C-alpha cells in the first residue's frame, strides 16, 4: 500500500463521514451504533467493502422518503446488523479456522 492509496482512502472516508453527518440526527445515532457493533463483530471486508456506504445509501433513501430510522431497521439494531453480515467471513471465523487447523487458515 503506497502513500497515494492511504491518501485516497482518507479522502473516501472523509466523504463517507460527511454523508453520515448530513443525515438527520436519529439516523446518525443509529448509524454510529451500527458502526460500533459491526467493528466489534468484524466482517473482514468492512473497512474496504460496500457495507457501510450501502447503509448510508439506505438511510439517505429512508430519510428522503420521510421514514423514521427505526421503521427501516426495526427496534433490534444488533439483529439487523447480524442479518447484514450473516454470510460474510469475520475475524472470529478466521481465528476459529486457525485454531482448528483447517486449510487456508491464518498461522500456516
N, C-alpha and C. Protein backbone atom coordinates (compact mmCIF):
# COMPACT_ATOMS: atom_id res chain seq x y z
N UNK A 1 0.86 -1.18 0.00
CA UNK A 1 0.00 0.00 0.00
C UNK A 1 0.90 1.23 0.00
N UNK A 2 0.74 2.01 -1.04
CA UNK A 2 1.54 3.21 -1.17
C UNK A 2 0.89 4.40 -0.50
N UNK A 3 1.62 5.49 -0.49
CA UNK A 3 1.13 6.71 0.14
C UNK A 3 -0.12 7.23 -0.58
N UNK A 4 -0.16 7.07 -1.91
CA UNK A 4 -1.33 7.52 -2.66
C UNK A 4 -2.58 6.74 -2.25
N UNK A 5 -2.41 5.45 -1.99
CA UNK A 5 -3.55 4.63 -1.54
C UNK A 5 -4.06 5.10 -0.19
N UNK A 6 -3.15 5.44 0.68
CA UNK A 6 -3.53 5.93 2.01
C UNK A 6 -4.28 7.25 1.89
N UNK A 7 -3.76 8.15 1.07
CA UNK A 7 -4.40 9.46 0.87
C UNK A 7 -5.79 9.28 0.27
N UNK A 8 -5.90 8.42 -0.74
CA UNK A 8 -7.20 8.18 -1.37
C UNK A 8 -8.18 7.55 -0.38
N UNK A 9 -7.69 6.64 0.44
CA UNK A 9 -8.54 6.02 1.46
C UNK A 9 -9.06 7.05 2.46
N UNK A 10 -8.21 7.96 2.86
CA UNK A 10 -8.64 9.02 3.78
C UNK A 10 -9.67 9.94 3.14
N UNK A 11 -9.48 10.26 1.88
CA UNK A 11 -10.45 11.11 1.17
C UNK A 11 -11.81 10.42 1.11
N UNK A 12 -11.81 9.13 0.79
CA UNK A 12 -13.05 8.38 0.71
C UNK A 12 -13.73 8.32 2.08
N UNK A 13 -12.94 8.08 3.13
CA UNK A 13 -13.51 8.00 4.48
C UNK A 13 -14.10 9.35 4.90
N UNK A 14 -13.41 10.44 4.60
CA UNK A 14 -13.93 11.77 4.96
C UNK A 14 -15.23 12.07 4.21
N UNK A 15 -15.31 11.67 2.94
CA UNK A 15 -16.54 11.86 2.18
C UNK A 15 -17.67 11.02 2.78
N UNK A 16 -17.33 9.82 3.22
CA UNK A 16 -18.32 8.94 3.86
C UNK A 16 -18.84 9.57 5.15
N UNK A 17 -17.93 10.07 5.97
CA UNK A 17 -18.31 10.70 7.23
C UNK A 17 -19.17 11.94 6.96
N UNK A 18 -18.86 12.69 5.93
CA UNK A 18 -19.66 13.88 5.59
C UNK A 18 -21.08 13.47 5.21
N UNK A 19 -21.23 12.35 4.51
CA UNK A 19 -22.57 11.86 4.17
C UNK A 19 -23.34 11.47 5.42
N UNK A 20 -22.65 10.85 6.38
CA UNK A 20 -23.30 10.46 7.63
C UNK A 20 -23.75 11.71 8.39
N UNK A 21 -22.91 12.72 8.44
CA UNK A 21 -23.24 13.95 9.16
C UNK A 21 -24.39 14.71 8.51
N UNK A 22 -24.65 14.46 7.23
CA UNK A 22 -25.76 15.12 6.54
C UNK A 22 -27.10 14.45 6.83
N UNK A 23 -27.06 13.27 7.44
CA UNK A 23 -28.30 12.56 7.79
C UNK A 23 -28.99 13.24 8.97
N UNK A 24 -30.30 13.01 9.13
CA UNK A 24 -30.99 13.51 10.33
C UNK A 24 -30.36 12.91 11.60
N UNK A 25 -30.53 13.60 12.71
CA UNK A 25 -29.87 13.23 13.96
C UNK A 25 -30.16 11.79 14.39
N UNK A 26 -31.43 11.35 14.29
CA UNK A 26 -31.74 9.98 14.73
C UNK A 26 -31.06 8.95 13.84
N UNK A 27 -30.93 9.24 12.56
CA UNK A 27 -30.21 8.33 11.66
C UNK A 27 -28.73 8.27 12.02
N UNK A 28 -28.16 9.43 12.36
CA UNK A 28 -26.74 9.46 12.74
C UNK A 28 -26.48 8.61 13.97
N UNK A 29 -27.36 8.72 14.96
CA UNK A 29 -27.19 7.96 16.19
C UNK A 29 -27.22 6.46 15.90
N UNK A 30 -28.21 6.02 15.14
CA UNK A 30 -28.34 4.60 14.83
C UNK A 30 -27.16 4.15 13.97
N UNK A 31 -26.73 4.96 13.01
CA UNK A 31 -25.59 4.60 12.17
C UNK A 31 -24.35 4.40 13.02
N UNK A 32 -24.09 5.31 13.95
CA UNK A 32 -22.89 5.20 14.78
C UNK A 32 -22.93 3.95 15.65
N UNK A 33 -24.11 3.61 16.16
CA UNK A 33 -24.24 2.38 16.95
C UNK A 33 -24.02 1.15 16.07
N UNK A 34 -24.56 1.19 14.86
CA UNK A 34 -24.35 0.08 13.93
C UNK A 34 -22.87 -0.06 13.58
N UNK A 35 -22.23 1.06 13.35
CA UNK A 35 -20.81 1.05 13.00
C UNK A 35 -19.99 0.44 14.14
N UNK A 36 -20.25 0.88 15.38
CA UNK A 36 -19.54 0.31 16.53
C UNK A 36 -19.74 -1.19 16.61
N UNK A 37 -20.99 -1.61 16.45
CA UNK A 37 -21.31 -3.03 16.53
C UNK A 37 -20.60 -3.82 15.43
N UNK A 38 -20.64 -3.30 14.21
CA UNK A 38 -20.03 -4.01 13.10
C UNK A 38 -18.51 -4.07 13.24
N UNK A 39 -17.89 -3.05 13.80
CA UNK A 39 -16.45 -3.11 14.02
C UNK A 39 -16.11 -4.14 15.09
N UNK A 40 -17.00 -4.37 16.03
CA UNK A 40 -16.77 -5.41 17.04
C UNK A 40 -17.00 -6.80 16.46
N UNK A 41 -18.04 -6.96 15.66
CA UNK A 41 -18.35 -8.26 15.06
C UNK A 41 -17.26 -8.62 14.05
N UNK A 42 -16.81 -7.64 13.31
CA UNK A 42 -15.62 -7.78 12.49
C UNK A 42 -15.74 -8.49 11.17
N UNK A 43 -16.69 -8.13 10.30
CA UNK A 43 -16.60 -8.67 8.94
C UNK A 43 -15.28 -8.25 8.32
N UNK A 44 -14.62 -9.17 7.67
CA UNK A 44 -13.27 -8.92 7.17
C UNK A 44 -13.22 -7.75 6.19
N UNK A 45 -14.24 -7.64 5.33
CA UNK A 45 -14.20 -6.60 4.31
C UNK A 45 -14.88 -5.30 4.73
N UNK A 46 -15.12 -5.12 6.02
CA UNK A 46 -15.83 -3.93 6.48
C UNK A 46 -15.14 -2.61 6.10
N UNK A 47 -13.85 -2.45 6.35
CA UNK A 47 -13.23 -1.15 6.03
C UNK A 47 -13.24 -0.81 4.54
N UNK A 48 -13.07 -1.82 3.68
CA UNK A 48 -12.95 -1.56 2.24
C UNK A 48 -14.21 -1.92 1.47
N UNK A 49 -15.09 -2.66 2.09
CA UNK A 49 -16.25 -3.20 1.39
C UNK A 49 -17.40 -2.23 1.24
N UNK A 50 -18.45 -2.72 0.64
CA UNK A 50 -19.60 -1.88 0.33
C UNK A 50 -20.63 -1.76 1.46
N UNK A 51 -20.41 -2.41 2.59
CA UNK A 51 -21.43 -2.46 3.64
C UNK A 51 -21.74 -1.09 4.23
N UNK A 52 -20.75 -0.38 4.73
CA UNK A 52 -21.00 0.92 5.36
C UNK A 52 -21.56 1.94 4.38
N UNK A 53 -20.98 2.08 3.18
CA UNK A 53 -21.60 3.01 2.22
C UNK A 53 -23.02 2.58 1.82
N UNK A 54 -23.25 1.27 1.79
CA UNK A 54 -24.59 0.78 1.47
C UNK A 54 -25.60 1.15 2.54
N UNK A 55 -25.17 1.11 3.80
CA UNK A 55 -26.05 1.52 4.90
C UNK A 55 -26.39 3.00 4.77
N UNK A 56 -25.39 3.81 4.44
CA UNK A 56 -25.64 5.25 4.28
C UNK A 56 -26.60 5.49 3.11
N UNK A 57 -26.41 4.76 2.01
CA UNK A 57 -27.35 4.88 0.88
C UNK A 57 -28.77 4.55 1.33
N UNK A 58 -28.92 3.45 2.04
CA UNK A 58 -30.21 3.01 2.56
C UNK A 58 -30.84 4.06 3.47
N UNK A 59 -30.02 4.64 4.35
CA UNK A 59 -30.50 5.66 5.27
C UNK A 59 -30.87 6.94 4.52
N UNK A 60 -30.09 7.33 3.52
CA UNK A 60 -30.41 8.53 2.75
C UNK A 60 -31.75 8.37 2.04
N UNK A 61 -32.00 7.18 1.48
CA UNK A 61 -33.27 6.92 0.81
C UNK A 61 -34.43 6.97 1.81
N UNK A 62 -34.22 6.37 3.00
CA UNK A 62 -35.26 6.39 4.03
C UNK A 62 -35.56 7.79 4.52
N UNK A 63 -34.51 8.58 4.71
CA UNK A 63 -34.71 9.96 5.17
C UNK A 63 -35.42 10.78 4.10
N UNK A 64 -35.06 10.57 2.84
CA UNK A 64 -35.71 11.30 1.75
C UNK A 64 -37.19 10.94 1.64
N UNK A 65 -37.53 9.70 2.01
CA UNK A 65 -38.92 9.26 1.96
C UNK A 65 -39.70 9.67 3.20
N UNK A 66 -39.01 10.30 4.16
CA UNK A 66 -39.67 10.77 5.37
C UNK A 66 -39.92 9.69 6.41
N UNK A 67 -39.22 8.58 6.30
CA UNK A 67 -39.39 7.49 7.26
C UNK A 67 -38.46 7.69 8.45
N UNK A 68 -38.89 7.19 9.60
CA UNK A 68 -38.04 7.18 10.77
C UNK A 68 -37.03 6.04 10.65
N UNK A 69 -35.90 6.21 11.28
CA UNK A 69 -34.84 5.21 11.15
C UNK A 69 -35.28 3.85 11.70
N UNK A 70 -36.07 3.83 12.76
CA UNK A 70 -36.50 2.55 13.32
C UNK A 70 -37.54 1.86 12.44
N UNK A 71 -38.19 2.61 11.57
CA UNK A 71 -39.06 1.98 10.58
C UNK A 71 -38.24 1.16 9.59
N UNK A 72 -37.01 1.59 9.35
CA UNK A 72 -36.14 0.90 8.39
C UNK A 72 -35.44 -0.30 9.01
N UNK A 73 -34.90 -0.13 10.22
CA UNK A 73 -34.06 -1.19 10.80
C UNK A 73 -34.76 -1.98 11.89
N UNK A 74 -35.87 -1.49 12.39
CA UNK A 74 -36.53 -2.16 13.50
C UNK A 74 -35.95 -1.73 14.83
N UNK A 75 -36.49 -2.27 15.89
CA UNK A 75 -36.04 -1.85 17.22
C UNK A 75 -34.80 -2.61 17.69
N UNK A 76 -34.51 -3.75 17.08
CA UNK A 76 -33.32 -4.52 17.44
C UNK A 76 -32.24 -4.29 16.38
N UNK A 77 -31.46 -3.26 16.61
CA UNK A 77 -30.46 -2.84 15.63
C UNK A 77 -29.37 -3.91 15.49
N UNK A 78 -29.00 -4.57 16.58
CA UNK A 78 -27.98 -5.62 16.51
C UNK A 78 -28.44 -6.77 15.63
N UNK A 79 -29.69 -7.16 15.74
CA UNK A 79 -30.22 -8.23 14.89
C UNK A 79 -30.20 -7.82 13.42
N UNK A 80 -30.51 -6.55 13.16
CA UNK A 80 -30.46 -6.03 11.79
C UNK A 80 -29.03 -6.14 11.26
N UNK A 81 -28.05 -5.76 12.07
CA UNK A 81 -26.64 -5.85 11.67
C UNK A 81 -26.23 -7.30 11.45
N UNK A 82 -26.67 -8.18 12.34
CA UNK A 82 -26.33 -9.60 12.19
C UNK A 82 -26.86 -10.15 10.87
N UNK A 83 -28.06 -9.73 10.48
CA UNK A 83 -28.61 -10.17 9.20
C UNK A 83 -27.77 -9.65 8.03
N UNK A 84 -27.23 -8.45 8.17
CA UNK A 84 -26.42 -7.88 7.10
C UNK A 84 -25.13 -8.66 6.86
N UNK A 85 -24.56 -9.20 7.93
CA UNK A 85 -23.24 -9.84 7.83
C UNK A 85 -23.29 -11.35 8.03
N UNK A 86 -24.48 -11.94 7.99
CA UNK A 86 -24.59 -13.36 8.32
C UNK A 86 -23.79 -14.27 7.38
N UNK A 87 -23.60 -13.89 6.14
CA UNK A 87 -22.86 -14.72 5.21
C UNK A 87 -21.44 -14.23 4.96
N UNK A 88 -21.02 -13.21 5.68
CA UNK A 88 -19.70 -12.64 5.50
C UNK A 88 -18.71 -13.29 6.46
N UNK A 89 -17.51 -13.60 5.98
CA UNK A 89 -16.50 -14.13 6.90
C UNK A 89 -16.06 -13.04 7.89
N UNK A 90 -15.87 -13.42 9.12
CA UNK A 90 -15.46 -12.47 10.16
C UNK A 90 -14.07 -12.84 10.66
N UNK A 91 -13.48 -11.94 11.42
CA UNK A 91 -12.18 -12.23 12.02
C UNK A 91 -12.30 -13.38 13.01
N UNK A 92 -13.45 -13.52 13.65
CA UNK A 92 -13.66 -14.64 14.56
C UNK A 92 -13.63 -15.96 13.79
N UNK A 93 -14.21 -15.98 12.59
CA UNK A 93 -14.16 -17.19 11.76
C UNK A 93 -12.72 -17.54 11.39
N UNK A 94 -11.95 -16.55 11.00
CA UNK A 94 -10.55 -16.78 10.64
C UNK A 94 -9.80 -17.32 11.84
N UNK A 95 -10.06 -16.76 13.01
CA UNK A 95 -9.39 -17.22 14.23
C UNK A 95 -9.78 -18.66 14.54
N UNK A 96 -11.07 -18.97 14.45
CA UNK A 96 -11.52 -20.33 14.71
C UNK A 96 -10.89 -21.31 13.73
N UNK A 97 -10.81 -20.93 12.47
CA UNK A 97 -10.18 -21.78 11.47
C UNK A 97 -8.71 -22.01 11.79
N UNK A 98 -8.04 -20.98 12.27
CA UNK A 98 -6.62 -21.13 12.59
C UNK A 98 -6.42 -22.07 13.77
N UNK A 99 -7.36 -22.06 14.71
CA UNK A 99 -7.27 -22.96 15.86
C UNK A 99 -7.57 -24.40 15.47
N UNK A 100 -8.48 -24.58 14.52
CA UNK A 100 -8.87 -25.94 14.14
C UNK A 100 -7.90 -26.55 13.13
N UNK A 101 -7.02 -25.72 12.57
CA UNK A 101 -6.03 -26.23 11.64
C UNK A 101 -6.58 -26.50 10.26
N UNK A 102 -7.68 -25.86 9.90
CA UNK A 102 -8.26 -26.04 8.58
C UNK A 102 -7.34 -25.46 7.52
N UNK A 103 -7.38 -26.04 6.31
CA UNK A 103 -6.57 -25.47 5.22
C UNK A 103 -6.94 -24.03 4.95
N UNK A 104 -5.95 -23.24 4.61
CA UNK A 104 -6.18 -21.83 4.32
C UNK A 104 -6.25 -20.98 5.57
N UNK A 105 -5.97 -21.59 6.71
CA UNK A 105 -6.05 -20.86 7.97
C UNK A 105 -4.85 -19.95 8.14
N UNK A 106 -5.11 -18.86 8.83
CA UNK A 106 -4.02 -17.96 9.18
C UNK A 106 -3.10 -18.71 10.14
N UNK A 107 -1.86 -18.51 10.11
CA UNK A 107 -0.94 -19.15 11.05
C UNK A 107 -0.23 -20.34 10.43
N UNK A 108 -0.31 -20.48 9.13
CA UNK A 108 0.44 -21.53 8.45
C UNK A 108 1.90 -21.26 8.58
